[in-house]
């Protein structure tokens, strides 16, 4: 698989993560609305507010990952993918294999 195909696959996989996390957040919100539960004082475990915050954080991370992959695709199209935005040198292939959306070499990370 080439770089562009890999980045597109990452966007697609991230879209799936976003959909799952969004559904989780919406499910928690719907649960809170439909139940008159005082979970803030429930000694049995985590509150719905905590669960909603966790799910929202995962959703935000997935959205940031998607944006980073789309930005990497833009750099690929512009011919600047794999070039450090600080020093202008080529980012090593090993680093790009681990962090395909990176914009900086190890020295400037």
Protein backbone atom coordinates (compact mmCIF):
# COMPACT_ATOMS: atom_id res chain seq x y z
CA UNK A 1 0.00 0.00 0.00
CA UNK A 2 1.35 3.42 -0.91
CA UNK A 3 1.47 6.50 1.28
CA UNK A 4 -1.67 8.09 -0.14
CA UNK A 5 -3.65 4.86 0.14
CA UNK A 6 -2.44 4.38 3.71
CA UNK A 7 -3.49 7.90 4.67
CA UNK A 8 -6.91 7.43 3.04
CA UNK A 9 -7.33 4.14 4.93
CA UNK A 10 -6.48 5.97 8.15
CA UNK A 11 -9.14 8.59 7.42
CA UNK A 12 -11.72 5.86 6.77
CA UNK A 13 -10.79 3.98 9.95
CA UNK A 14 -10.94 7.21 11.93
CA UNK A 15 -14.37 7.99 10.47
CA UNK A 16 -15.54 4.65 11.88
CA UNK A 17 -14.03 5.49 15.29
CA UNK A 18 -15.76 8.87 15.23
CA UNK A 19 -19.11 7.26 14.43
CA UNK A 20 -18.72 4.76 17.30
CA UNK A 21 -17.68 7.41 19.82
CA UNK A 22 -20.42 9.79 18.69
CA UNK A 23 -23.01 7.01 19.12
CA UNK A 24 -21.66 6.32 22.62
CA UNK A 25 -21.90 9.99 23.60
CA UNK A 26 -25.41 10.26 22.17
CA UNK A 27 -26.43 7.08 23.99
CA UNK A 28 -25.19 8.42 27.31
CA UNK A 29 -26.94 11.75 26.75
CA UNK A 30 -30.18 9.94 25.84
CA UNK A 31 -29.84 7.77 28.94
CA UNK A 32 -29.46 10.81 31.17
CA UNK A 33 -32.52 12.44 29.61
CA UNK A 34 -34.71 9.34 29.83
CA UNK A 35 -33.84 8.38 33.40
CA UNK A 36 -34.30 10.37 36.53
CA UNK A 37 -31.22 8.92 38.17
CA UNK A 38 -29.08 10.52 40.82
CA UNK A 39 -25.89 8.81 39.71
CA UNK A 40 -23.69 11.47 41.30
CA UNK A 41 -24.28 9.83 44.67
CA UNK A 42 -24.21 6.20 43.52
CA UNK A 43 -21.49 4.34 45.44
CA UNK A 44 -21.52 1.52 42.89
CA UNK A 45 -19.33 3.11 40.27
CA UNK A 46 -18.63 5.86 37.79
CA UNK A 47 -21.19 8.52 37.14
CA UNK A 48 -22.88 9.08 33.82
CA UNK A 49 -21.23 12.51 33.70
CA UNK A 50 -17.81 10.86 34.00
CA UNK A 51 -18.68 8.31 31.31
CA UNK A 52 -19.91 11.11 29.04
CA UNK A 53 -16.67 13.05 29.57
CA UNK A 54 -14.58 9.98 28.77
CA UNK A 55 -16.57 9.26 25.61
CA UNK A 56 -16.40 12.92 24.57
CA UNK A 57 -12.61 12.92 25.06
CA UNK A 58 -12.26 9.81 22.87
CA UNK A 59 -14.44 11.48 20.24
CA UNK A 60 -12.30 14.64 20.31
CA UNK A 61 -9.12 12.55 19.94
CA UNK A 62 -10.58 10.70 16.96
CA UNK A 63 -11.62 13.98 15.33
CA UNK A 64 -8.09 15.37 15.84
CA UNK A 65 -6.60 12.20 14.32
CA UNK A 66 -8.90 12.58 11.30
CA UNK A 67 -7.87 16.21 10.82
CA UNK A 68 -4.19 15.24 11.06
CA UNK A 69 -4.64 12.52 8.43
CA UNK A 70 -6.50 14.91 6.11
CA UNK A 71 -3.75 17.51 6.59
CA UNK A 72 -1.17 14.83 5.72
CA UNK A 73 -3.12 14.05 2.54
CA UNK A 74 -3.06 17.76 1.67
CA UNK A 75 0.72 17.79 2.18
CA UNK A 76 1.01 14.67 -0.01
CA UNK A 77 -0.93 16.41 -2.79
CA UNK A 78 1.21 19.56 -2.40
CA UNK A 79 4.43 17.57 -2.50
CA UNK A 80 5.46 18.55 1.02
CA UNK A 81 4.60 15.30 2.82
CA UNK A 82 7.57 13.98 4.76
CA UNK A 83 9.32 17.36 4.97
CA UNK A 84 9.95 18.83 8.43
CA UNK A 85 8.03 22.08 8.83
CA UNK A 86 10.82 23.50 11.02
CA UNK A 87 14.08 22.66 9.25
CA UNK A 88 12.87 21.62 5.79
CA UNK A 89 14.76 18.33 5.88
CA UNK A 90 13.25 15.01 4.98
CA UNK A 91 11.52 13.18 7.84
CA UNK A 92 12.96 9.65 8.09
CA UNK A 93 10.75 6.90 6.66
CA UNK A 94 10.90 5.06 9.99
CA UNK A 95 9.30 8.03 11.76
CA UNK A 96 6.64 8.38 9.09
CA UNK A 97 5.87 4.66 9.39
CA UNK A 98 5.14 5.15 13.09
CA UNK A 99 3.57 8.61 12.87
CA UNK A 100 2.32 9.09 9.30
CA UNK A 101 0.68 12.44 10.09
CA UNK A 102 3.76 14.01 11.66
CA UNK A 103 4.99 17.35 10.37
CA UNK A 104 8.34 17.36 12.17
CA UNK A 105 11.52 15.33 12.24
CA UNK A 106 12.62 13.74 15.52
CA UNK A 107 14.97 16.62 16.28
CA UNK A 108 12.11 19.15 16.14
CA UNK A 109 9.31 17.00 17.55
